[in-house]
Amino acid sequence: MTRLALQPGATLGVLGGGQLARMWSHAAQSMGYRTAVLDPDVHSPAGLISHVHVPTAYLDPQGLARLASECQAVTTEFENVPAQALAQLQAHLPVSPSPAAVQVAQDRALEKAHFVRCGVPVAPHHVLAHADDLPTVPNHLLPGILKTTRLGYDGKGQVRVNTRTELAAALAQLQNGHADVVCILEKRLPLAGECSVVLARGQDGDCVYLPVQLNQHRDGILAITEVFEDALPAATAQHAIDAATHIARELDYVGVLCVEFFMLQDGPDKDALGPLVVNEIAPRPHNSGHHSIDSCDLSQFALQVRCMAGLPLTQPRLHSPCVMLNVLGDVWWLGGRNDQAPDWAAMLALPGVHLHMYGKTDARPGRKMGHITITASSITQARTVGAQVAAMLGWAA
């Protein structure tokens, strides 16, 4: 039974205080809700701007008790928050997404098994718990990518392998003497590109979604997202939306979910699997959906608030084609220095540029410091300005 909607003035909580929680907090506060954040970092980006900051570890009983006492509903900022913490909170108040759904997203083996149960195409794969499993790996999975089943993100915890010798070495490297580290080998498929679907599923099962997003990664980290009408053939885009919706429904998911896809090149793999295979899910708003703050009439963060509060979901509309660029800490280190900030004024002098900084003071290589969304009347115009911004950020062509 759907519970009554939480009205503005209620307090919504989040586990994790990074940039996703910060943008979620802005959306919630703009709608009249109070926000509470549990994050051990006293200077966390979301903690600094929320009504309540609980600066404790995620499994601290007193911290969880305080968060539960402050809030009427809770969500999570990222999938590596312990599912046990969400389960403890769920005993006292609504938690979305559920601990069970987050637990699936935390483990690549469970995630792949869920995709298979849903009947959505996934890359051929094999789970490796220890070195004794190496002889059981089918030959057709090489060349492949060996990944840890837990705690890998932004290209971390994975090694590309071409031979069985490289596979054995990679397994030893990733396990690093810890026999409890389980890995999964995925066949390396010829890719034409990557895309993602960000959807929101309400307590009543209703689903809405952002337009399908085209993504480009550099060194395993999302660098560029483009969104525009007809970015993919209509049948392919609908295939992605249908697969994402099915994955969410079978998880009994409530909240914002991102489903990432690989787009396959023409060839035998595409003939066997179809145009898309599911890569992974993120049980939260996602980096590739940040553009929605500026390009859509309803952002992914506003959708997350509506899901938590039990408010109606309406289909977001893209009002401007856009390009989104991630701003990493690397740009402060151009020339080997870390005290040279980008020329924000020059960027903001360009048409359609929207700058979002995350409130982080320590610019480290690979760290997400902010993002820039360029909106325009056409994707061609957005790309032209995007190329100018990229040059100002020191990106190689």
Protein backbone atom coordinates (compact mmCIF):
# COMPACT_ATOMS: atom_id res chain seq x y z
CA MET A 1 0.00 0.00 0.00
CA THR A 2 1.38 3.42 -0.96
CA ARG A 3 2.07 5.56 2.09
CA LEU A 4 0.92 9.16 2.41
CA ALA A 5 3.13 11.75 0.77
CA LEU A 6 5.58 13.67 2.94
CA GLN A 7 4.83 17.38 2.73
CA PRO A 8 7.40 20.20 2.45
CA GLY A 9 8.72 20.89 5.93
CA ALA A 10 9.49 17.23 6.55
CA THR A 11 13.13 16.17 6.89
CA LEU A 12 14.70 13.87 4.31
CA GLY A 13 17.98 12.11 5.06
CA VAL A 14 20.88 10.70 3.09
CA LEU A 15 23.78 8.40 3.87
CA GLY A 16 26.87 9.92 2.30
CA GLY A 17 27.79 13.57 1.96
CA GLY A 18 29.54 13.95 -1.40
CA GLN A 19 28.52 15.92 -4.47
CA LEU A 20 25.49 13.76 -5.28
CA ALA A 21 24.08 14.34 -1.81
CA ARG A 22 24.90 18.05 -2.12
CA MET A 23 22.92 18.42 -5.37
CA TRP A 24 20.12 16.27 -3.92
CA SER A 25 20.06 18.54 -0.85
CA HIS A 26 19.76 21.64 -3.04
CA ALA A 27 16.80 20.06 -4.86
CA ALA A 28 15.09 19.01 -1.63
CA GLN A 29 15.58 22.39 0.00
CA SER A 30 14.25 24.21 -3.06
CA MET A 31 11.06 22.18 -2.63
CA GLY A 32 10.78 23.15 1.04
CA TYR A 33 12.23 20.05 2.73
CA ARG A 34 14.81 19.99 5.48
CA THR A 35 17.81 17.74 4.84
CA ALA A 36 19.99 15.63 7.11
CA VAL A 37 23.29 14.01 6.12
CA LEU A 38 25.26 11.23 7.80
CA ASP A 39 28.89 11.31 6.68
CA PRO A 40 32.09 10.85 8.72
CA ASP A 41 33.77 13.81 7.00
CA VAL A 42 33.04 17.00 8.96
CA HIS A 43 33.74 18.98 5.78
CA SER A 44 31.62 16.85 3.43
CA PRO A 45 30.08 18.86 0.57
CA ALA A 46 26.49 17.96 1.52
CA GLY A 47 27.07 18.22 5.26
CA LEU A 48 28.17 21.82 4.88
CA ILE A 49 24.86 22.91 3.32
CA SER A 50 22.32 20.67 5.11
CA HIS A 51 20.17 21.47 8.11
CA VAL A 52 21.63 18.53 10.05
CA HIS A 53 25.02 16.85 9.69
CA VAL A 54 25.68 13.64 11.64
CA PRO A 55 29.50 13.22 11.46
CA THR A 56 29.81 9.54 12.32
CA ALA A 57 30.77 6.29 10.61
CA TYR A 58 28.03 4.69 8.52
CA LEU A 59 27.58 1.79 10.96
CA ASP A 60 27.80 3.86 14.15
CA PRO A 61 24.67 2.92 16.17
CA GLN A 62 24.31 6.36 17.75
CA GLY A 63 24.74 8.13 14.43
CA LEU A 64 22.13 5.94 12.74
CA ALA A 65 19.76 6.44 15.68
CA ARG A 66 20.12 10.20 15.42
CA LEU A 67 19.55 10.20 11.67
CA ALA A 68 16.44 8.05 12.14
CA SER A 69 15.13 10.42 14.81
CA GLU A 70 15.65 13.48 12.59
CA CYS A 71 14.13 12.14 9.34
CA GLN A 72 10.89 10.88 7.88
CA ALA A 73 12.62 9.08 4.95
CA VAL A 74 16.20 8.19 4.00
CA THR A 75 18.16 7.45 0.82
CA THR A 76 21.79 6.73 -0.04
CA GLU A 77 24.26 8.77 -2.03
CA PHE A 78 26.39 5.89 -3.30
CA GLU A 79 26.17 2.11 -3.49
CA ASN A 80 29.12 1.37 -1.20
CA VAL A 81 27.36 2.60 1.92
CA PRO A 82 26.96 -0.60 3.97
CA ALA A 83 23.63 -2.23 3.18
CA GLN A 84 23.53 -3.17 6.86
CA ALA A 85 23.24 0.54 7.76
CA LEU A 86 20.28 0.92 5.41
CA ALA A 87 18.67 -2.18 6.91
CA GLN A 88 19.01 -0.74 10.43
CA LEU A 89 17.36 2.48 9.31
CA GLN A 90 14.61 0.59 7.48
CA ALA A 91 13.47 -0.84 10.81
CA HIS A 92 12.41 2.70 11.80
CA LEU A 93 11.47 4.63 8.65
CA PRO A 94 11.10 4.29 4.86
CA VAL A 95 14.40 3.73 3.02
CA SER A 96 14.65 4.01 -0.76
CA PRO A 97 16.17 2.29 -2.55
CA SER A 98 15.81 -0.77 -0.34
CA PRO A 99 18.84 -2.41 1.31
CA ALA A 100 18.21 -5.51 -0.83
CA ALA A 101 18.41 -3.50 -4.08
CA VAL A 102 21.58 -1.71 -2.96
CA GLN A 103 23.13 -5.04 -1.98
CA VAL A 104 22.69 -6.29 -5.56
CA ALA A 105 24.39 -3.17 -6.95
CA GLN A 106 27.29 -3.60 -4.50
CA ASP A 107 28.33 -6.96 -5.93
CA ARG A 108 29.05 -7.47 -9.64
CA ALA A 109 28.31 -11.19 -9.41
CA LEU A 110 24.87 -10.59 -7.85
CA GLU A 111 24.31 -7.79 -10.36
CA LYS A 112 25.12 -9.98 -13.36
CA ALA A 113 22.93 -12.78 -11.98
CA HIS A 114 20.05 -10.29 -11.68
CA PHE A 115 20.51 -9.19 -15.30
CA VAL A 116 20.44 -12.81 -16.43
CA ARG A 117 17.24 -13.46 -14.46
CA CYS A 118 15.69 -10.40 -16.10
CA GLY A 119 16.59 -11.75 -19.53
CA VAL A 120 18.47 -8.60 -20.56
CA PRO A 121 21.68 -9.01 -22.62
CA VAL A 122 24.90 -8.96 -20.60
CA ALA A 123 28.53 -9.57 -21.53
CA PRO A 124 29.62 -13.23 -21.21
CA HIS A 125 31.33 -13.61 -17.83
CA HIS A 126 32.72 -16.01 -15.23
CA VAL A 127 33.14 -15.65 -11.45
CA LEU A 128 36.55 -16.39 -9.91
CA ALA A 129 36.67 -16.87 -6.14
CA HIS A 130 40.25 -18.19 -5.98
CA ALA A 131 43.12 -19.40 -8.14
CA ASP A 132 41.69 -22.94 -8.28
CA ASP A 133 38.89 -21.52 -10.46
CA LEU A 134 41.26 -20.42 -13.23
CA PRO A 135 41.08 -23.73 -15.19
CA THR A 136 37.28 -23.41 -15.35
CA VAL A 137 37.41 -20.15 -17.34
CA PRO A 138 36.09 -20.70 -20.90
CA ASN A 139 38.52 -19.77 -23.66
CA HIS A 140 36.01 -17.50 -25.40
CA LEU A 141 36.12 -15.02 -22.48
CA LEU A 142 39.64 -13.94 -23.44
CA PRO A 143 40.60 -11.21 -24.13
CA GLY A 144 38.63 -9.90 -21.17
CA ILE A 145 38.51 -7.54 -18.21
CA LEU A 146 38.97 -8.94 -14.70
CA LYS A 147 37.11 -6.92 -12.07
CA THR A 148 36.65 -7.21 -8.33
CA THR A 149 33.01 -7.94 -7.56
CA ARG A 150 32.93 -5.29 -4.82
CA LEU A 151 34.16 -1.72 -4.31
CA GLY A 152 35.25 -1.04 -7.89
CA TYR A 153 34.27 2.27 -9.50
CA ASP A 154 35.68 4.86 -11.93
CA GLY A 155 37.97 2.25 -13.45
CA LYS A 156 39.36 1.05 -10.11
CA GLY A 157 39.60 -2.64 -9.24
CA GLN A 158 39.88 -3.92 -12.80
CA VAL A 159 42.62 -5.18 -15.12
CA ARG A 160 42.53 -5.88 -18.87
CA VAL A 161 43.85 -9.37 -19.70
CA ASN A 162 44.61 -11.09 -23.00
CA THR A 163 45.93 -14.52 -22.02
CA ARG A 164 45.50 -17.08 -19.26
CA THR A 165 48.93 -16.11 -17.91
CA GLU A 166 47.85 -12.47 -17.66
CA LEU A 167 44.57 -13.58 -16.08
CA ALA A 168 46.37 -15.50 -13.32
CA ALA A 169 48.65 -12.54 -12.64
CA ALA A 170 45.72 -10.11 -12.57
CA LEU A 171 43.79 -12.30 -10.13
CA ALA A 172 46.79 -12.38 -7.79
CA GLN A 173 47.17 -8.59 -8.15
CA LEU A 174 43.52 -7.82 -7.36
CA GLN A 175 43.32 -10.29 -4.49
CA ASN A 176 46.67 -9.08 -3.13
CA GLY A 177 46.85 -11.88 -0.60
CA HIS A 178 43.19 -11.56 0.45
CA ALA A 179 41.47 -14.82 -0.40
CA ASP A 180 38.03 -13.33 0.27
CA VAL A 181 38.29 -10.94 -2.71
CA VAL A 182 36.05 -12.41 -5.40
CA CYS A 183 36.55 -11.35 -9.03
CA ILE A 184 34.58 -11.63 -12.25
CA LEU A 185 36.01 -11.96 -15.75
CA GLU A 186 33.99 -10.26 -18.50
CA LYS A 187 34.60 -10.85 -22.20
CA ARG A 188 35.98 -7.75 -23.90
CA LEU A 189 33.45 -6.80 -26.56
CA PRO A 190 34.04 -4.51 -29.57
CA LEU A 191 32.28 -1.31 -28.55
CA ALA A 192 30.75 1.41 -30.67
CA GLY A 193 30.10 3.55 -27.60
CA GLU A 194 28.39 3.74 -24.21
CA CYS A 195 25.04 5.07 -23.09
CA SER A 196 22.96 5.23 -19.95
CA VAL A 197 19.34 5.47 -18.83
CA VAL A 198 18.46 7.33 -15.63
CA LEU A 199 14.98 6.41 -14.45
CA ALA A 200 12.87 7.09 -11.41
CA ARG A 201 10.45 4.51 -10.04
CA GLY A 202 7.86 5.51 -7.48
CA GLN A 203 6.33 3.64 -4.58
CA ASP A 204 3.35 2.80 -6.79
CA GLY A 205 5.58 1.30 -9.51
CA ASP A 206 5.23 4.22 -11.93
CA CYS A 207 8.40 4.84 -13.96
CA VAL A 208 9.73 7.95 -15.72
CA TYR A 209 13.12 8.47 -17.30
CA LEU A 210 15.55 11.05 -18.60
CA PRO A 211 16.46 10.97 -22.30
CA VAL A 212 19.05 8.33 -23.17
CA GLN A 213 22.55 9.74 -22.59
CA LEU A 214 25.66 9.14 -24.73
CA ASN A 215 28.78 8.82 -22.57
CA GLN A 216 32.53 8.97 -23.14
CA HIS A 217 35.02 7.80 -20.51
CA ARG A 218 38.69 8.62 -20.03
CA ASP A 219 40.81 6.35 -17.84
CA GLY A 220 37.63 4.73 -16.55
CA ILE A 221 36.07 8.04 -15.41
CA LEU A 222 33.11 9.65 -17.17
CA ALA A 223 34.40 12.65 -19.13
CA ILE A 224 31.63 13.74 -21.51
CA THR A 225 27.88 13.19 -21.72
CA GLU A 226 25.78 14.31 -24.68
CA VAL A 227 21.98 14.45 -24.70
CA PHE A 228 19.81 15.37 -27.66
CA GLU A 229 16.81 14.10 -29.58
CA ASP A 230 17.46 11.05 -31.73
CA ALA A 231 20.86 10.48 -30.14
CA LEU A 232 20.20 6.78 -30.77
CA PRO A 233 17.91 5.07 -33.28
CA ALA A 234 14.40 5.01 -31.81
CA ALA A 235 14.30 1.22 -31.52
CA THR A 236 17.68 1.10 -29.71
CA ALA A 237 16.69 3.87 -27.30
CA GLN A 238 13.41 2.09 -26.53
CA HIS A 239 15.32 -1.16 -26.02
CA ALA A 240 17.52 0.57 -23.41
CA ILE A 241 14.54 2.11 -21.63
CA ASP A 242 12.63 -1.18 -21.59
CA ALA A 243 15.64 -3.09 -20.23
CA ALA A 244 16.25 -0.49 -17.51
CA THR A 245 12.59 -0.49 -16.52
CA HIS A 246 12.55 -4.29 -16.31
CA ILE A 247 15.69 -4.31 -14.14
CA ALA A 248 14.13 -1.79 -11.76
CA ARG A 249 10.78 -3.58 -11.61
CA GLU A 250 12.36 -6.96 -10.79
CA LEU A 251 14.31 -5.32 -7.95
CA ASP A 252 11.05 -3.75 -6.68
CA TYR A 253 13.11 -0.60 -6.87
CA VAL A 254 12.02 2.79 -5.48
CA GLY A 255 14.11 5.83 -6.28
CA VAL A 256 16.45 6.99 -9.03
CA LEU A 257 18.41 4.25 -10.80
CA CYS A 258 21.04 4.53 -13.52
CA VAL A 259 21.54 1.62 -15.92
CA GLU A 260 24.72 1.78 -18.01
CA PHE A 261 24.95 0.06 -21.38
CA PHE A 262 27.67 -0.85 -23.86
CA MET A 263 26.76 -0.24 -27.51
CA LEU A 264 28.23 -2.99 -29.68
CA GLN A 265 29.93 -2.68 -33.04
CA ASP A 266 28.57 -4.66 -35.96
CA GLY A 267 29.78 -8.24 -35.88
CA PRO A 268 29.10 -11.68 -34.36
CA ASP A 269 28.78 -10.36 -30.80
CA LYS A 270 26.13 -7.84 -31.86
CA ASP A 271 24.36 -10.55 -33.87
CA ALA A 272 24.27 -12.80 -30.78
CA LEU A 273 23.55 -10.23 -28.05
CA GLY A 274 21.80 -7.36 -29.82
CA PRO A 275 22.79 -3.69 -30.09
CA LEU A 276 23.20 -3.16 -26.33
CA VAL A 277 24.47 -5.11 -23.33
CA VAL A 278 23.96 -3.98 -19.75
CA ASN A 279 27.20 -3.03 -18.00
CA GLU A 280 26.14 -2.10 -14.47
CA ILE A 281 23.61 -0.26 -12.34
CA ALA A 282 23.99 2.60 -9.87
CA PRO A 283 21.24 2.77 -7.20
CA ARG A 284 21.22 6.58 -7.03
CA PRO A 285 21.42 9.68 -9.19
CA HIS A 286 24.35 9.34 -11.57
CA ASN A 287 27.14 11.47 -13.00
CA SER A 288 25.70 11.08 -16.52
CA GLY A 289 22.40 12.59 -15.33
CA HIS A 290 23.85 15.82 -13.91
CA HIS A 291 22.98 17.65 -17.13
CA SER A 292 19.30 17.40 -16.19
CA ILE A 293 19.68 20.30 -13.74
CA ASP A 294 20.11 22.65 -16.70
CA SER A 295 18.74 20.78 -19.73
CA CYS A 296 15.46 19.33 -18.43
CA ASP A 297 12.39 20.68 -16.71
CA LEU A 298 12.85 18.10 -13.94
CA SER A 299 16.29 17.02 -12.70
CA GLN A 300 17.30 13.58 -11.51
CA PHE A 301 17.69 15.03 -8.00
CA ALA A 302 14.16 16.44 -7.97
CA LEU A 303 12.98 12.99 -9.08
CA GLN A 304 14.82 11.39 -6.16
CA VAL A 305 13.10 13.77 -3.75
CA ARG A 306 9.70 12.95 -5.25
CA CYS A 307 10.37 9.21 -4.91
CA MET A 308 11.38 9.55 -1.27
CA ALA A 309 8.45 11.80 -0.38
CA GLY A 310 5.88 9.72 -2.25
CA LEU A 311 5.03 12.57 -4.62
CA PRO A 312 3.77 12.08 -8.19
CA LEU A 313 6.34 11.44 -10.91
CA THR A 314 5.98 13.28 -14.21
CA GLN A 315 7.97 12.54 -17.35
CA PRO A 316 10.97 14.92 -17.59
CA ARG A 317 11.21 16.93 -20.80
CA LEU A 318 14.50 17.85 -22.48
CA HIS A 319 14.24 21.54 -23.37
CA SER A 320 17.85 22.01 -24.55
CA PRO A 321 20.36 19.73 -26.28
CA CYS A 322 23.46 19.65 -24.13
CA VAL A 323 27.03 18.54 -23.53
CA MET A 324 28.26 17.89 -19.99
CA LEU A 325 31.96 17.87 -19.08
CA ASN A 326 33.36 16.56 -15.81
CA VAL A 327 35.85 18.85 -14.06
CA LEU A 328 38.51 16.73 -12.38
CA GLY A 329 41.23 17.82 -9.99
CA ASP A 330 43.77 17.23 -12.76
CA VAL A 331 43.08 20.66 -14.27
CA TRP A 332 44.60 22.33 -11.19
CA TRP A 333 47.81 20.37 -11.83
CA LEU A 334 48.54 21.53 -15.36
CA GLY A 335 52.28 22.15 -15.65
CA GLY A 336 52.92 20.20 -12.44
CA ARG A 337 51.36 22.81 -10.15
CA ASN A 338 48.25 22.52 -8.00
CA ASP A 339 47.55 26.21 -7.40
CA GLN A 340 46.41 27.24 -10.87
CA ALA A 341 42.62 27.29 -11.05
CA PRO A 342 40.92 27.21 -14.47
CA ASP A 343 39.80 30.49 -16.01
CA TRP A 344 36.18 30.27 -14.93
CA ALA A 345 35.40 33.81 -16.14
CA ALA A 346 36.49 32.98 -19.69
CA MET A 347 34.33 29.85 -19.69
CA LEU A 348 31.30 31.64 -18.29
CA ALA A 349 31.63 34.28 -21.02
CA LEU A 350 30.65 31.59 -23.53
CA PRO A 351 26.94 31.12 -24.33
CA GLY A 352 25.00 28.38 -22.54
CA VAL A 353 27.72 27.50 -20.01
CA HIS A 354 26.52 26.36 -16.55
CA LEU A 355 29.19 25.79 -13.90
CA HIS A 356 28.58 23.50 -10.92
CA MET A 357 31.29 23.16 -8.28
CA TYR A 358 31.01 20.63 -5.48
CA GLY A 359 32.51 22.49 -2.52
CA LYS A 360 35.71 20.42 -2.38
CA THR A 361 38.83 22.35 -1.42
CA ASP A 362 41.48 19.70 -2.15
CA ALA A 363 41.99 19.29 -5.90
CA ARG A 364 43.55 15.87 -6.49
CA PRO A 365 44.11 14.16 -9.85
CA GLY A 366 41.09 12.00 -10.70
CA ARG A 367 38.87 13.67 -8.08
CA LYS A 368 35.53 15.01 -9.33
CA MET A 369 35.54 18.71 -8.40
CA GLY A 370 32.56 19.84 -10.47
CA HIS A 371 30.91 19.69 -13.86
CA ILE A 372 30.02 22.07 -16.67
CA THR A 373 26.88 21.72 -18.76
CA ILE A 374 26.60 23.53 -22.08
CA THR A 375 23.04 24.02 -23.36
CA ALA A 376 22.20 25.25 -26.85
CA SER A 377 19.50 25.20 -29.49
CA SER A 378 21.26 22.31 -31.27
CA ILE A 379 23.75 19.62 -30.34
CA THR A 380 26.13 21.04 -32.96
CA GLN A 381 26.20 24.40 -31.16
CA ALA A 382 26.60 22.70 -27.77
CA ARG A 383 29.53 20.66 -29.09
CA THR A 384 31.21 23.76 -30.51
CA VAL A 385 31.11 25.56 -27.16
CA GLY A 386 31.98 22.31 -25.37
CA ALA A 387 35.17 22.03 -27.43
CA GLN A 388 36.13 25.58 -26.40
CA VAL A 389 35.54 24.78 -22.73
CA ALA A 390 37.51 21.53 -23.02
CA ALA A 391 40.45 23.45 -24.47
CA MET A 392 40.30 25.88 -21.54
CA LEU A 393 40.38 22.89 -19.18
CA GLY A 394 43.56 21.70 -20.88
CA TRP A 395 41.99 18.63 -22.44
CA ALA A 396 43.92 17.14 -25.33
CA ALA A 397 41.88 16.99 -28.53
